[in-house]
Amino acid sequence: MDTIAENLKRLLAHRGISEGKLAEMVGCSQTAISKFLTGKSTKTKYLMDIVETLGVSLDDLRSGKYLADNQADTMNGPDVASYYPVLGQVPAGDFAVIYEAAVADPETEWLPHYKKYRRAFYLRVQGDSMEPTLSENDKVLVEVGAIPEHKNIVVVRNGSNESTIKRFMVDGQDKYLVPDNGRYPVRLLTDDTSIVGVVRSVVRDL
């Protein structure tokens, strides 16, 4: 099989993109994508559209360098189960639409994880309210829609679409959002605040 096609199949698997979804993003038939990926057709006029859509160069896809770079930090650890997009802010609205927009954006950064979640994204931490547990610019993996348990770290959004990361604490019937940094106040979880998801892991650049 053509090296580019093989590497493209691996890249699609890493990002969780189906043949049908790629065809929709590129604007061609699924048959055209399938023939190229299975080796039934060694060329496709949509190849440049494909690499532009996925945000990779043709040379990197041919050499496999792009895939190697993305796997460099996980080769000796657990197997990568999936890749998730790094979002600049907490998404508001239908997560499926937001995810599709991230997939279509060639500037989107993707990070690996050893567990597969149905809906998840990475979020860059801002501020120091969760020090020393989380530091500014850490990237946390958020499982969207997960039910939080006592002491979980969660991402929440208020009625004004302002978001924050805090620790979820339960005291009797009351639920609180507690910063790990004692310089910040504890807040009662009110009806106008929604929990977006639960933080499952953190990536920290040294």
C-alpha atoms as a PDB file:
ATOM      1  CA  MET A   1       0.000   0.000   0.000  1.00  0.00           C
ATOM      2  CA  ASP A   2       1.100   3.546  -0.699  1.00  0.00           C
ATOM      3  CA  THR A   3       3.055   5.024   2.233  1.00  0.00           C
ATOM      4  CA  ILE A   4       1.001   8.226   2.217  1.00  0.00           C
ATOM      5  CA  ALA A   5      -2.249   6.265   2.326  1.00  0.00           C
ATOM      6  CA  GLU A   6      -0.971   4.101   5.185  1.00  0.00           C
ATOM      7  CA  ASN A   7       0.149   7.101   7.226  1.00  0.00           C
ATOM      8  CA  LEU A   8      -3.116   8.869   6.476  1.00  0.00           C
ATOM      9  CA  LYS A   9      -5.045   5.891   7.839  1.00  0.00           C
ATOM     10  CA  ARG A  10      -2.993   6.027  11.034  1.00  0.00           C
ATOM     11  CA  LEU A  11      -3.541   9.764  11.382  1.00  0.00           C
ATOM     12  CA  LEU A  12      -7.299   9.411  10.957  1.00  0.00           C
ATOM     13  CA  ALA A  13      -7.366   6.645  13.559  1.00  0.00           C
ATOM     14  CA  HIS A  14      -5.395   8.769  16.019  1.00  0.00           C
ATOM     15  CA  ARG A  15      -7.823  11.670  15.625  1.00  0.00           C
ATOM     16  CA  GLY A  16     -10.938   9.539  15.579  1.00  0.00           C
ATOM     17  CA  ILE A  17     -12.006  10.733  12.122  1.00  0.00           C
ATOM     18  CA  SER A  18     -14.000   8.316   9.962  1.00  0.00           C
ATOM     19  CA  GLU A  19     -13.733   8.022   6.183  1.00  0.00           C
ATOM     20  CA  GLY A  20     -17.195   9.511   5.874  1.00  0.00           C
ATOM     21  CA  LYS A  21     -16.337  12.464   8.091  1.00  0.00           C
ATOM     22  CA  LEU A  22     -13.138  13.172   6.159  1.00  0.00           C
ATOM     23  CA  ALA A  23     -15.078  13.060   2.895  1.00  0.00           C
ATOM     24  CA  GLU A  24     -17.567  15.562   4.307  1.00  0.00           C
ATOM     25  CA  MET A  25     -14.773  17.876   5.491  1.00  0.00           C
ATOM     26  CA  VAL A  26     -12.965  17.721   2.139  1.00  0.00           C
ATOM     27  CA  GLY A  27     -16.086  17.879  -0.019  1.00  0.00           C
ATOM     28  CA  CYS A  28     -15.774  14.621  -1.921  1.00  0.00           C
ATOM     29  CA  SER A  29     -17.377  11.178  -1.895  1.00  0.00           C
ATOM     30  CA  GLN A  30     -16.583   8.591   0.751  1.00  0.00           C
ATOM     31  CA  THR A  31     -15.858   6.169  -2.085  1.00  0.00           C
ATOM     32  CA  ALA A  32     -12.994   8.355  -3.294  1.00  0.00           C
ATOM     33  CA  ILE A  33     -11.480   8.420   0.197  1.00  0.00           C
ATOM     34  CA  SER A  34     -11.974   4.678   0.691  1.00  0.00           C
ATOM     35  CA  LYS A  35     -10.352   3.745  -2.631  1.00  0.00           C
ATOM     36  CA  PHE A  36      -7.263   5.782  -1.791  1.00  0.00           C
ATOM     37  CA  LEU A  37      -6.944   4.451   1.761  1.00  0.00           C
ATOM     38  CA  THR A  38      -7.360   0.810   0.696  1.00  0.00           C
ATOM     39  CA  GLY A  39      -4.917   1.050  -2.202  1.00  0.00           C
ATOM     40  CA  LYS A  40      -7.530   0.526  -4.917  1.00  0.00           C
ATOM     41  CA  SER A  41      -6.536   3.921  -6.267  1.00  0.00           C
ATOM     42  CA  THR A  42      -2.930   5.086  -5.911  1.00  0.00           C
ATOM     43  CA  LYS A  43      -3.748   8.704  -6.657  1.00  0.00           C
ATOM     44  CA  THR A  44      -6.478  11.104  -5.671  1.00  0.00           C
ATOM     45  CA  LYS A  45      -7.076  14.634  -6.872  1.00  0.00           C
ATOM     46  CA  TYR A  46      -8.239  15.464  -3.355  1.00  0.00           C
ATOM     47  CA  LEU A  47      -4.903  14.743  -1.665  1.00  0.00           C
ATOM     48  CA  MET A  48      -3.908  18.398  -1.259  1.00  0.00           C
ATOM     49  CA  ASP A  49      -7.374  19.203   0.088  1.00  0.00           C
ATOM     50  CA  ILE A  50      -6.985  16.347   2.566  1.00  0.00           C
ATOM     51  CA  VAL A  51      -3.621  17.475   3.940  1.00  0.00           C
ATOM     52  CA  GLU A  52      -4.777  21.085   4.171  1.00  0.00           C
ATOM     53  CA  THR A  53      -7.920  20.019   6.023  1.00  0.00           C
ATOM     54  CA  LEU A  54      -5.928  17.935   8.500  1.00  0.00           C
ATOM     55  CA  GLY A  55      -3.255  20.578   8.975  1.00  0.00           C
ATOM     56  CA  VAL A  56      -0.239  18.499   7.922  1.00  0.00           C
ATOM     57  CA  SER A  57       2.258  18.818   5.097  1.00  0.00           C
ATOM     58  CA  LEU A  58       2.465  16.303   2.279  1.00  0.00           C
ATOM     59  CA  ASP A  59       6.154  15.691   3.036  1.00  0.00           C
ATOM     60  CA  ASP A  60       5.439  14.942   6.691  1.00  0.00           C
ATOM     61  CA  LEU A  61       2.614  12.615   5.746  1.00  0.00           C
ATOM     62  CA  ARG A  62       4.856  10.832   3.235  1.00  0.00           C
ATOM     63  CA  SER A  63       7.696  10.381   5.733  1.00  0.00           C
ATOM     64  CA  GLY A  64       5.535   9.711   8.781  1.00  0.00           C
ATOM     65  CA  LYS A  65       7.363  12.467  10.663  1.00  0.00           C
ATOM     66  CA  TYR A  66       4.115  14.076  11.775  1.00  0.00           C
ATOM     67  CA  LEU A  67       2.941  10.834  13.354  1.00  0.00           C
ATOM     68  CA  ALA A  68       6.328  10.185  14.954  1.00  0.00           C
ATOM     69  CA  ASP A  69       6.373  13.663  16.506  1.00  0.00           C
ATOM     70  CA  ASN A  70       2.923  13.155  18.006  1.00  0.00           C
ATOM     71  CA  GLN A  71       3.884   9.787  19.476  1.00  0.00           C
ATOM     72  CA  ALA A  72       7.334  10.771  20.750  1.00  0.00           C
ATOM     73  CA  ASP A  73       6.276  11.240  24.358  1.00  0.00           C
ATOM     74  CA  THR A  74       4.198   8.071  24.547  1.00  0.00           C
ATOM     75  CA  MET A  75       6.325   5.432  22.877  1.00  0.00           C
ATOM     76  CA  ASN A  76       7.546   4.004  26.190  1.00  0.00           C
ATOM     77  CA  GLY A  77       4.300   4.515  28.088  1.00  0.00           C
ATOM     78  CA  PRO A  78       0.741   3.202  27.739  1.00  0.00           C
ATOM     79  CA  ASP A  79      -0.659   2.755  24.255  1.00  0.00           C
ATOM     80  CA  VAL A  80      -2.383   5.828  22.862  1.00  0.00           C
ATOM     81  CA  ALA A  81      -6.159   5.268  22.813  1.00  0.00           C
ATOM     82  CA  SER A  82      -7.158   8.551  21.223  1.00  0.00           C
ATOM     83  CA  TYR A  83      -6.201  12.153  20.486  1.00  0.00           C
ATOM     84  CA  TYR A  84      -8.151  15.136  21.789  1.00  0.00           C
ATOM     85  CA  PRO A  85      -8.209  18.775  20.657  1.00  0.00           C
ATOM     86  CA  VAL A  86      -6.769  21.593  22.763  1.00  0.00           C
ATOM     87  CA  LEU A  87      -9.458  24.282  22.960  1.00  0.00           C
ATOM     88  CA  GLY A  88      -8.695  27.893  23.764  1.00  0.00           C
ATOM     89  CA  GLN A  89     -11.709  28.228  26.014  1.00  0.00           C
ATOM     90  CA  VAL A  90     -14.531  26.233  27.556  1.00  0.00           C
ATOM     91  CA  PRO A  91     -16.948  25.433  24.741  1.00  0.00           C
ATOM     92  CA  ALA A  92     -20.469  26.856  24.844  1.00  0.00           C
ATOM     93  CA  GLY A  93     -23.191  25.088  22.898  1.00  0.00           C
ATOM     94  CA  ASP A  94     -23.381  21.705  21.198  1.00  0.00           C
ATOM     95  CA  PHE A  95     -20.095  19.905  21.834  1.00  0.00           C
ATOM     96  CA  ALA A  96     -20.427  17.866  18.627  1.00  0.00           C
ATOM     97  CA  VAL A  97     -20.434  21.077  16.578  1.00  0.00           C
ATOM     98  CA  ILE A  98     -17.500  22.473  18.543  1.00  0.00           C
ATOM     99  CA  TYR A  99     -15.532  19.239  18.054  1.00  0.00           C
ATOM    100  CA  GLU A 100     -16.168  19.244  14.311  1.00  0.00           C
ATOM    101  CA  ALA A 101     -14.975  22.840  14.097  1.00  0.00           C
ATOM    102  CA  ALA A 102     -11.776  21.870  15.929  1.00  0.00           C
ATOM    103  CA  VAL A 103     -11.221  18.962  13.549  1.00  0.00           C
ATOM    104  CA  ALA A 104     -11.680  21.208  10.521  1.00  0.00           C
ATOM    105  CA  ASP A 105      -9.305  23.878  11.835  1.00  0.00           C
ATOM    106  CA  PRO A 106      -5.709  23.121  10.718  1.00  0.00           C
ATOM    107  CA  GLU A 107      -4.394  25.232  13.619  1.00  0.00           C
ATOM    108  CA  THR A 108      -5.947  22.947  16.243  1.00  0.00           C
ATOM    109  CA  GLU A 109      -3.401  21.272  18.523  1.00  0.00           C
ATOM    110  CA  TRP A 110      -4.052  17.593  19.320  1.00  0.00           C
ATOM    111  CA  LEU A 111      -2.683  15.697  22.307  1.00  0.00           C
ATOM    112  CA  PRO A 112      -2.741  11.941  22.972  1.00  0.00           C
ATOM    113  CA  HIS A 113      -4.227  10.084  25.915  1.00  0.00           C
ATOM    114  CA  TYR A 114      -4.164   6.431  26.956  1.00  0.00           C
ATOM    115  CA  LYS A 115      -7.916   6.310  27.676  1.00  0.00           C
ATOM    116  CA  LYS A 116     -10.720   6.794  25.204  1.00  0.00           C
ATOM    117  CA  TYR A 117     -13.574   9.060  26.250  1.00  0.00           C
ATOM    118  CA  ARG A 118     -16.740   9.570  24.231  1.00  0.00           C
ATOM    119  CA  ARG A 119     -16.463  13.357  24.583  1.00  0.00           C
ATOM    120  CA  ALA A 120     -13.336  15.113  25.835  1.00  0.00           C
ATOM    121  CA  PHE A 121     -11.000  18.002  25.147  1.00  0.00           C
ATOM    122  CA  TYR A 122      -7.851  19.567  26.535  1.00  0.00           C
ATOM    123  CA  LEU A 123      -8.056  22.999  28.136  1.00  0.00           C
ATOM    124  CA  ARG A 124      -5.160  25.295  28.977  1.00  0.00           C
ATOM    125  CA  VAL A 125      -5.178  26.457  32.619  1.00  0.00           C
ATOM    126  CA  GLN A 126      -5.249  30.197  33.221  1.00  0.00           C
ATOM    127  CA  GLY A 127      -4.446  31.840  36.549  1.00  0.00           C
ATOM    128  CA  ASP A 128      -3.157  30.341  39.799  1.00  0.00           C
ATOM    129  CA  SER A 129      -6.348  29.542  41.730  1.00  0.00           C
ATOM    130  CA  MET A 130      -5.571  25.797  41.601  1.00  0.00           C
ATOM    131  CA  GLU A 131      -1.915  26.066  42.662  1.00  0.00           C
ATOM    132  CA  PRO A 132      -0.064  23.928  43.605  1.00  0.00           C
ATOM    133  CA  THR A 133      -2.132  21.168  41.950  1.00  0.00           C
ATOM    134  CA  LEU A 134      -2.440  22.931  38.600  1.00  0.00           C
ATOM    135  CA  SER A 135      -0.212  25.678  37.251  1.00  0.00           C
ATOM    136  CA  GLU A 136      -0.880  28.309  34.602  1.00  0.00           C
ATOM    137  CA  ASN A 137      -0.484  26.902  31.058  1.00  0.00           C
ATOM    138  CA  ASP A 138      -0.942  23.297  32.193  1.00  0.00           C
ATOM    139  CA  LYS A 139      -3.236  21.449  29.805  1.00  0.00           C
ATOM    140  CA  VAL A 140      -5.980  19.429  31.498  1.00  0.00           C
ATOM    141  CA  LEU A 141      -8.045  16.708  29.841  1.00  0.00           C
ATOM    142  CA  VAL A 142     -11.739  17.324  30.509  1.00  0.00           C
ATOM    143  CA  GLU A 143     -14.321  14.545  30.136  1.00  0.00           C
ATOM    144  CA  VAL A 144     -17.435  16.370  28.994  1.00  0.00           C
ATOM    145  CA  GLY A 145     -20.669  15.546  30.822  1.00  0.00           C
ATOM    146  CA  ALA A 146     -19.037  13.304  33.453  1.00  0.00           C
ATOM    147  CA  ILE A 147     -20.771  13.224  36.846  1.00  0.00           C
ATOM    148  CA  PRO A 148     -18.369  14.687  39.430  1.00  0.00           C
ATOM    149  CA  GLU A 149     -17.583  12.999  42.703  1.00  0.00           C
ATOM    150  CA  HIS A 150     -16.480  14.623  45.963  1.00  0.00           C
ATOM    151  CA  LYS A 151     -13.000  16.193  45.575  1.00  0.00           C
ATOM    152  CA  ASN A 152     -12.924  15.879  41.776  1.00  0.00           C
ATOM    153  CA  ILE A 153     -11.486  18.829  39.861  1.00  0.00           C
ATOM    154  CA  VAL A 154     -14.131  20.193  37.517  1.00  0.00           C
ATOM    155  CA  VAL A 155     -14.575  22.790  34.797  1.00  0.00           C
ATOM    156  CA  VAL A 156     -17.617  24.995  35.336  1.00  0.00           C
ATOM    157  CA  ARG A 157     -19.345  27.764  33.407  1.00  0.00           C
ATOM    158  CA  ASN A 158     -21.705  30.405  34.781  1.00  0.00           C
ATOM    159  CA  GLY A 159     -24.659  32.124  33.147  1.00  0.00           C
ATOM    160  CA  SER A 160     -22.370  34.720  31.576  1.00  0.00           C
ATOM    161  CA  ASN A 161     -20.337  31.964  29.880  1.00  0.00           C
ATOM    162  CA  GLU A 162     -17.373  32.688  32.151  1.00  0.00           C
ATOM    163  CA  SER A 163     -15.464  29.526  32.993  1.00  0.00           C
ATOM    164  CA  THR A 164     -13.207  28.357  35.773  1.00  0.00           C
ATOM    165  CA  ILE A 165     -11.493  25.249  37.107  1.00  0.00           C
ATOM    166  CA  LYS A 166     -12.135  24.356  40.743  1.00  0.00           C
ATOM    167  CA  ARG A 167     -12.387  21.398  43.107  1.00  0.00           C
ATOM    168  CA  PHE A 168     -15.897  19.996  43.587  1.00  0.00           C
ATOM    169  CA  MET A 169     -16.704  19.503  47.277  1.00  0.00           C
ATOM    170  CA  VAL A 170     -19.882  18.186  48.900  1.00  0.00           C
ATOM    171  CA  ASP A 171     -21.001  19.059  52.450  1.00  0.00           C
ATOM    172  CA  GLY A 172     -24.392  17.578  53.234  1.00  0.00           C
ATOM    173  CA  GLN A 173     -26.853  18.986  50.707  1.00  0.00           C
ATOM    174  CA  ASP A 174     -24.538  21.807  49.682  1.00  0.00           C
ATOM    175  CA  LYS A 175     -21.991  21.672  46.871  1.00  0.00           C
ATOM    176  CA  TYR A 176     -19.003  23.977  46.668  1.00  0.00           C
ATOM    177  CA  LEU A 177     -16.341  25.071  44.201  1.00  0.00           C
ATOM    178  CA  VAL A 178     -13.096  25.181  46.144  1.00  0.00           C
ATOM    179  CA  PRO A 179      -9.751  26.579  44.908  1.00  0.00           C
ATOM    180  CA  ASP A 180      -6.626  24.695  45.982  1.00  0.00           C
ATOM    181  CA  ASN A 181      -4.939  28.075  46.416  1.00  0.00           C
ATOM    182  CA  GLY A 182      -6.109  29.412  49.792  1.00  0.00           C
ATOM    183  CA  ARG A 183      -5.851  33.032  48.600  1.00  0.00           C
ATOM    184  CA  TYR A 184      -9.076  32.584  46.618  1.00  0.00           C
ATOM    185  CA  PRO A 185     -12.612  32.335  48.045  1.00  0.00           C
ATOM    186  CA  VAL A 186     -14.783  29.226  48.222  1.00  0.00           C
ATOM    187  CA  ARG A 187     -17.989  29.526  46.180  1.00  0.00           C
ATOM    188  CA  LEU A 188     -21.321  27.770  46.591  1.00  0.00           C
ATOM    189  CA  LEU A 189     -22.364  25.895  43.437  1.00  0.00           C
ATOM    190  CA  THR A 190     -25.536  27.710  42.405  1.00  0.00           C
ATOM    191  CA  ASP A 191     -28.242  27.004  39.847  1.00  0.00           C
ATOM    192  CA  ASP A 192     -26.774  29.485  37.353  1.00  0.00           C
ATOM    193  CA  THR A 193     -23.477  27.556  37.236  1.00  0.00           C
ATOM    194  CA  SER A 194     -23.150  24.381  35.171  1.00  0.00           C
ATOM    195  CA  ILE A 195     -20.461  21.714  35.367  1.00  0.00           C
ATOM    196  CA  VAL A 196     -18.970  21.209  31.906  1.00  0.00           C
ATOM    197  CA  GLY A 197     -16.895  18.171  32.793  1.00  0.00           C
ATOM    198  CA  VAL A 198     -14.426  16.474  35.107  1.00  0.00           C
ATOM    199  CA  VAL A 199     -10.651  16.844  34.811  1.00  0.00           C
ATOM    200  CA  ARG A 200      -9.091  13.428  34.218  1.00  0.00           C
ATOM    201  CA  SER A 201      -5.400  14.219  33.710  1.00  0.00           C
ATOM    202  CA  VAL A 202      -2.909  17.021  33.211  1.00  0.00           C
ATOM    203  CA  VAL A 203      -0.065  17.677  30.764  1.00  0.00           C
ATOM    204  CA  ARG A 204       2.681  19.959  32.048  1.00  0.00           C
ATOM    205  CA  ASP A 205       5.548  21.392  30.024  1.00  0.00           C
ATOM    206  CA  LEU A 206       8.832  21.500  31.940  1.00  0.00           C
END
